[in-house]
Amino acid sequence: MWGLVEVFGNVFQDIAALQKIELLPWEWYGLAATDKSAAYKETDLVDQLASISSSADHGAIEALRRLVAIDERLRVPPEKLREIAETDLAFFTAN
């Protein structure tokens, strides 16, 4: 993928990381995983998320928490969180 959708994917990776959730580079979610036409309508939101990501200070993290609380597209899907937990558990119990 190229273009704005790639930017969305990177921003969503950063947003997940700021929530202390590590994803693989290809594990996009939310607007980054939607079709391009829907994503292009949300450039203001993505700009806001990019600003939060680039600041990453206390105020930015609080702003991110508020946004995630009201917009489910910004949350890492529960099935992905379960998959991460299961993988981590398998890794740590095997070692």
N, C-alpha and C. Protein backbone atom coordinates (compact mmCIF):
# COMPACT_ATOMS: atom_id res chain seq x y z
N MET A 1 0.84 -1.18 0.00
CA MET A 1 0.00 0.00 0.00
C MET A 1 0.88 1.23 0.00
N TRP A 2 0.34 2.28 -0.55
CA TRP A 2 1.07 3.53 -0.66
C TRP A 2 0.12 4.68 -0.36
N GLY A 3 0.71 5.82 -0.13
CA GLY A 3 -0.08 7.03 0.01
C GLY A 3 -0.61 7.25 1.41
N LEU A 4 -1.74 7.92 1.46
CA LEU A 4 -2.32 8.32 2.73
C LEU A 4 -2.68 7.13 3.62
N VAL A 5 -3.10 6.04 3.02
CA VAL A 5 -3.45 4.86 3.82
C VAL A 5 -2.21 4.35 4.57
N GLU A 6 -1.05 4.43 3.96
CA GLU A 6 0.19 4.03 4.63
C GLU A 6 0.46 4.95 5.82
N VAL A 7 0.21 6.23 5.65
CA VAL A 7 0.36 7.19 6.76
C VAL A 7 -0.60 6.82 7.88
N PHE A 8 -1.86 6.52 7.52
CA PHE A 8 -2.84 6.11 8.54
C PHE A 8 -2.32 4.91 9.32
N GLY A 9 -1.79 3.93 8.61
CA GLY A 9 -1.27 2.73 9.27
C GLY A 9 -0.18 3.06 10.26
N ASN A 10 0.73 3.94 9.87
CA ASN A 10 1.82 4.33 10.77
C ASN A 10 1.30 5.09 11.98
N VAL A 11 0.35 5.98 11.76
CA VAL A 11 -0.22 6.73 12.88
C VAL A 11 -0.92 5.78 13.85
N PHE A 12 -1.67 4.83 13.32
CA PHE A 12 -2.37 3.90 14.20
C PHE A 12 -1.41 2.98 14.94
N GLN A 13 -0.28 2.64 14.32
CA GLN A 13 0.76 1.88 15.04
C GLN A 13 1.27 2.71 16.22
N ASP A 14 1.53 4.00 15.98
CA ASP A 14 2.00 4.88 17.05
C ASP A 14 0.97 5.01 18.16
N ILE A 15 -0.29 5.17 17.77
CA ILE A 15 -1.36 5.32 18.77
C ILE A 15 -1.47 4.06 19.63
N ALA A 16 -1.36 2.90 19.00
CA ALA A 16 -1.37 1.64 19.78
C ALA A 16 -0.18 1.60 20.73
N ALA A 17 1.00 1.98 20.24
CA ALA A 17 2.20 1.96 21.08
C ALA A 17 2.05 2.90 22.28
N LEU A 18 1.42 4.06 22.07
CA LEU A 18 1.20 4.99 23.18
C LEU A 18 0.23 4.42 24.20
N GLN A 19 -0.56 3.43 23.80
CA GLN A 19 -1.46 2.74 24.73
C GLN A 19 -0.79 1.49 25.30
N LYS A 20 0.52 1.36 25.04
CA LYS A 20 1.34 0.24 25.50
C LYS A 20 0.90 -1.09 24.89
N ILE A 21 0.54 -1.03 23.61
CA ILE A 21 0.15 -2.21 22.86
C ILE A 21 1.09 -2.32 21.67
N GLU A 22 1.87 -3.39 21.65
CA GLU A 22 2.80 -3.59 20.54
C GLU A 22 2.13 -4.41 19.45
N LEU A 23 2.14 -3.89 18.24
CA LEU A 23 1.59 -4.59 17.09
C LEU A 23 2.69 -4.84 16.08
N LEU A 24 2.49 -5.83 15.25
CA LEU A 24 3.41 -6.05 14.15
C LEU A 24 3.16 -4.98 13.09
N PRO A 25 4.15 -4.68 12.26
CA PRO A 25 3.99 -3.58 11.29
C PRO A 25 2.78 -3.70 10.37
N TRP A 26 2.33 -4.89 10.10
CA TRP A 26 1.20 -5.07 9.18
C TRP A 26 -0.14 -5.21 9.91
N GLU A 27 -0.15 -5.07 11.20
CA GLU A 27 -1.39 -5.23 11.97
C GLU A 27 -2.10 -3.89 12.13
N TRP A 28 -2.72 -3.46 11.06
CA TRP A 28 -3.46 -2.21 11.09
C TRP A 28 -4.87 -2.46 11.61
N TYR A 29 -5.47 -1.43 12.11
CA TYR A 29 -6.85 -1.50 12.63
C TYR A 29 -7.49 -0.14 12.45
N GLY A 30 -8.76 -0.05 12.78
CA GLY A 30 -9.46 1.23 12.71
C GLY A 30 -9.49 1.79 11.30
N LEU A 31 -9.30 3.09 11.19
CA LEU A 31 -9.34 3.75 9.89
C LEU A 31 -8.26 3.22 8.95
N ALA A 32 -7.15 2.79 9.49
CA ALA A 32 -6.06 2.28 8.65
C ALA A 32 -6.47 1.00 7.93
N ALA A 33 -7.44 0.28 8.48
CA ALA A 33 -7.86 -0.99 7.89
C ALA A 33 -9.12 -0.85 7.05
N THR A 34 -9.70 0.34 6.99
CA THR A 34 -10.93 0.53 6.22
C THR A 34 -10.59 0.82 4.76
N ASP A 35 -11.61 0.88 3.96
CA ASP A 35 -11.36 1.20 2.55
C ASP A 35 -10.88 2.65 2.43
N LYS A 36 -10.13 2.91 1.39
CA LYS A 36 -9.49 4.22 1.23
C LYS A 36 -10.49 5.37 1.21
N SER A 37 -11.62 5.20 0.55
CA SER A 37 -12.57 6.31 0.42
C SER A 37 -13.10 6.75 1.78
N ALA A 38 -13.34 5.80 2.68
CA ALA A 38 -13.80 6.16 4.03
C ALA A 38 -12.69 6.84 4.82
N ALA A 39 -11.48 6.33 4.67
CA ALA A 39 -10.35 6.88 5.42
C ALA A 39 -10.04 8.31 5.01
N TYR A 40 -10.13 8.61 3.73
CA TYR A 40 -9.80 9.95 3.25
C TYR A 40 -10.73 11.01 3.83
N LYS A 41 -11.90 10.63 4.28
CA LYS A 41 -12.84 11.59 4.87
C LYS A 41 -12.45 11.96 6.30
N GLU A 42 -11.47 11.25 6.87
CA GLU A 42 -11.09 11.45 8.26
C GLU A 42 -9.70 12.06 8.44
N THR A 43 -9.27 12.84 7.46
CA THR A 43 -7.91 13.38 7.54
C THR A 43 -7.72 14.32 8.74
N ASP A 44 -8.76 15.03 9.15
CA ASP A 44 -8.64 15.90 10.33
C ASP A 44 -8.35 15.07 11.58
N LEU A 45 -9.05 13.95 11.72
CA LEU A 45 -8.81 13.07 12.87
C LEU A 45 -7.40 12.51 12.83
N VAL A 46 -6.96 12.08 11.67
CA VAL A 46 -5.61 11.52 11.55
C VAL A 46 -4.56 12.59 11.84
N ASP A 47 -4.80 13.82 11.42
CA ASP A 47 -3.89 14.92 11.76
C ASP A 47 -3.83 15.12 13.27
N GLN A 48 -4.99 15.04 13.93
CA GLN A 48 -5.04 15.18 15.38
C GLN A 48 -4.26 14.05 16.05
N LEU A 49 -4.43 12.82 15.56
CA LEU A 49 -3.71 11.68 16.11
C LEU A 49 -2.21 11.81 15.88
N ALA A 50 -1.82 12.29 14.71
CA ALA A 50 -0.40 12.49 14.42
C ALA A 50 0.20 13.53 15.37
N SER A 51 -0.56 14.56 15.67
CA SER A 51 -0.09 15.57 16.61
C SER A 51 0.10 14.98 18.00
N ILE A 52 -0.85 14.17 18.42
CA ILE A 52 -0.73 13.48 19.72
C ILE A 52 0.50 12.59 19.72
N SER A 53 0.66 11.83 18.65
CA SER A 53 1.78 10.90 18.56
C SER A 53 3.12 11.62 18.58
N SER A 54 3.21 12.75 17.91
CA SER A 54 4.49 13.45 17.87
C SER A 54 4.80 14.16 19.18
N SER A 55 3.77 14.52 19.95
CA SER A 55 3.99 15.15 21.25
C SER A 55 4.32 14.11 22.30
N ALA A 56 3.42 13.16 22.45
CA ALA A 56 3.57 12.05 23.40
C ALA A 56 3.92 12.49 24.82
N ASP A 57 3.49 13.69 25.20
CA ASP A 57 3.68 14.13 26.57
C ASP A 57 2.43 13.81 27.38
N HIS A 58 2.41 14.20 28.63
CA HIS A 58 1.28 13.85 29.50
C HIS A 58 -0.04 14.37 28.94
N GLY A 59 -0.06 15.60 28.49
CA GLY A 59 -1.28 16.17 27.93
C GLY A 59 -1.75 15.43 26.70
N ALA A 60 -0.81 15.03 25.86
CA ALA A 60 -1.15 14.29 24.65
C ALA A 60 -1.72 12.92 24.99
N ILE A 61 -1.14 12.26 25.96
CA ILE A 61 -1.63 10.94 26.36
C ILE A 61 -3.04 11.05 26.94
N GLU A 62 -3.29 12.09 27.70
CA GLU A 62 -4.65 12.32 28.23
C GLU A 62 -5.63 12.58 27.10
N ALA A 63 -5.22 13.37 26.11
CA ALA A 63 -6.08 13.63 24.95
C ALA A 63 -6.36 12.33 24.21
N LEU A 64 -5.35 11.49 24.08
CA LEU A 64 -5.54 10.19 23.42
C LEU A 64 -6.53 9.33 24.20
N ARG A 65 -6.40 9.30 25.51
CA ARG A 65 -7.35 8.51 26.34
C ARG A 65 -8.79 8.97 26.11
N ARG A 66 -8.98 10.27 26.06
CA ARG A 66 -10.33 10.81 25.84
C ARG A 66 -10.85 10.41 24.45
N LEU A 67 -10.01 10.52 23.44
CA LEU A 67 -10.43 10.16 22.09
C LEU A 67 -10.76 8.67 21.98
N VAL A 68 -9.93 7.83 22.56
CA VAL A 68 -10.15 6.38 22.51
C VAL A 68 -11.44 6.01 23.23
N ALA A 69 -11.75 6.72 24.30
CA ALA A 69 -12.96 6.43 25.06
C ALA A 69 -14.23 6.70 24.26
N ILE A 70 -14.17 7.67 23.33
CA ILE A 70 -15.39 8.03 22.60
C ILE A 70 -15.43 7.51 21.16
N ASP A 71 -14.31 6.99 20.66
CA ASP A 71 -14.27 6.55 19.26
C ASP A 71 -13.68 5.15 19.17
N GLU A 72 -14.54 4.17 18.97
CA GLU A 72 -14.07 2.78 18.97
C GLU A 72 -13.12 2.46 17.82
N ARG A 73 -13.10 3.27 16.78
CA ARG A 73 -12.17 3.05 15.67
C ARG A 73 -10.72 3.23 16.10
N LEU A 74 -10.52 3.90 17.23
CA LEU A 74 -9.17 4.14 17.73
C LEU A 74 -8.69 3.05 18.68
N ARG A 75 -9.58 2.14 19.03
CA ARG A 75 -9.22 1.04 19.94
C ARG A 75 -8.71 -0.16 19.17
N VAL A 76 -7.68 -0.77 19.70
CA VAL A 76 -7.22 -2.02 19.11
C VAL A 76 -8.34 -3.03 19.36
N PRO A 77 -8.77 -3.75 18.32
CA PRO A 77 -9.90 -4.68 18.47
C PRO A 77 -9.63 -5.73 19.55
N PRO A 78 -10.68 -6.10 20.31
CA PRO A 78 -10.52 -7.08 21.39
C PRO A 78 -9.91 -8.40 20.92
N GLU A 79 -10.27 -8.85 19.72
CA GLU A 79 -9.71 -10.12 19.24
C GLU A 79 -8.20 -10.01 19.03
N LYS A 80 -7.71 -8.85 18.64
CA LYS A 80 -6.26 -8.64 18.49
C LYS A 80 -5.59 -8.63 19.85
N LEU A 81 -6.22 -8.01 20.85
CA LEU A 81 -5.67 -8.00 22.20
C LEU A 81 -5.59 -9.41 22.77
N ARG A 82 -6.63 -10.22 22.52
CA ARG A 82 -6.61 -11.63 22.97
C ARG A 82 -5.47 -12.39 22.30
N GLU A 83 -5.31 -12.17 21.00
CA GLU A 83 -4.25 -12.85 20.26
C GLU A 83 -2.86 -12.47 20.81
N ILE A 84 -2.67 -11.20 21.11
CA ILE A 84 -1.40 -10.74 21.68
C ILE A 84 -1.16 -11.40 23.03
N ALA A 85 -2.20 -11.42 23.88
CA ALA A 85 -2.07 -12.02 25.21
C ALA A 85 -1.75 -13.51 25.11
N GLU A 86 -2.42 -14.21 24.21
CA GLU A 86 -2.17 -15.65 24.05
C GLU A 86 -0.75 -15.91 23.55
N THR A 87 -0.29 -15.11 22.62
CA THR A 87 1.08 -15.25 22.10
C THR A 87 2.11 -14.98 23.18
N ASP A 88 1.89 -13.92 23.95
CA ASP A 88 2.81 -13.60 25.05
C ASP A 88 2.83 -14.72 26.09
N LEU A 89 1.68 -15.21 26.44
CA LEU A 89 1.59 -16.29 27.42
C LEU A 89 2.32 -17.53 26.93
N ALA A 90 2.11 -17.89 25.68
CA ALA A 90 2.79 -19.06 25.13
C ALA A 90 4.29 -18.87 25.14
N PHE A 91 4.75 -17.69 24.80
CA PHE A 91 6.19 -17.41 24.78
C PHE A 91 6.78 -17.52 26.17
N PHE A 92 6.15 -16.88 27.15
CA PHE A 92 6.72 -16.82 28.48
C PHE A 92 6.60 -18.14 29.24
N THR A 93 5.59 -18.93 28.94
CA THR A 93 5.48 -20.23 29.60
C THR A 93 6.39 -21.26 28.97
N ALA A 94 6.81 -21.04 27.71
CA ALA A 94 7.71 -21.98 27.04
C ALA A 94 9.15 -21.75 27.47
N ASN A 95 9.44 -20.57 27.98
CA ASN A 95 10.85 -20.27 28.35
C ASN A 95 11.04 -20.37 29.82
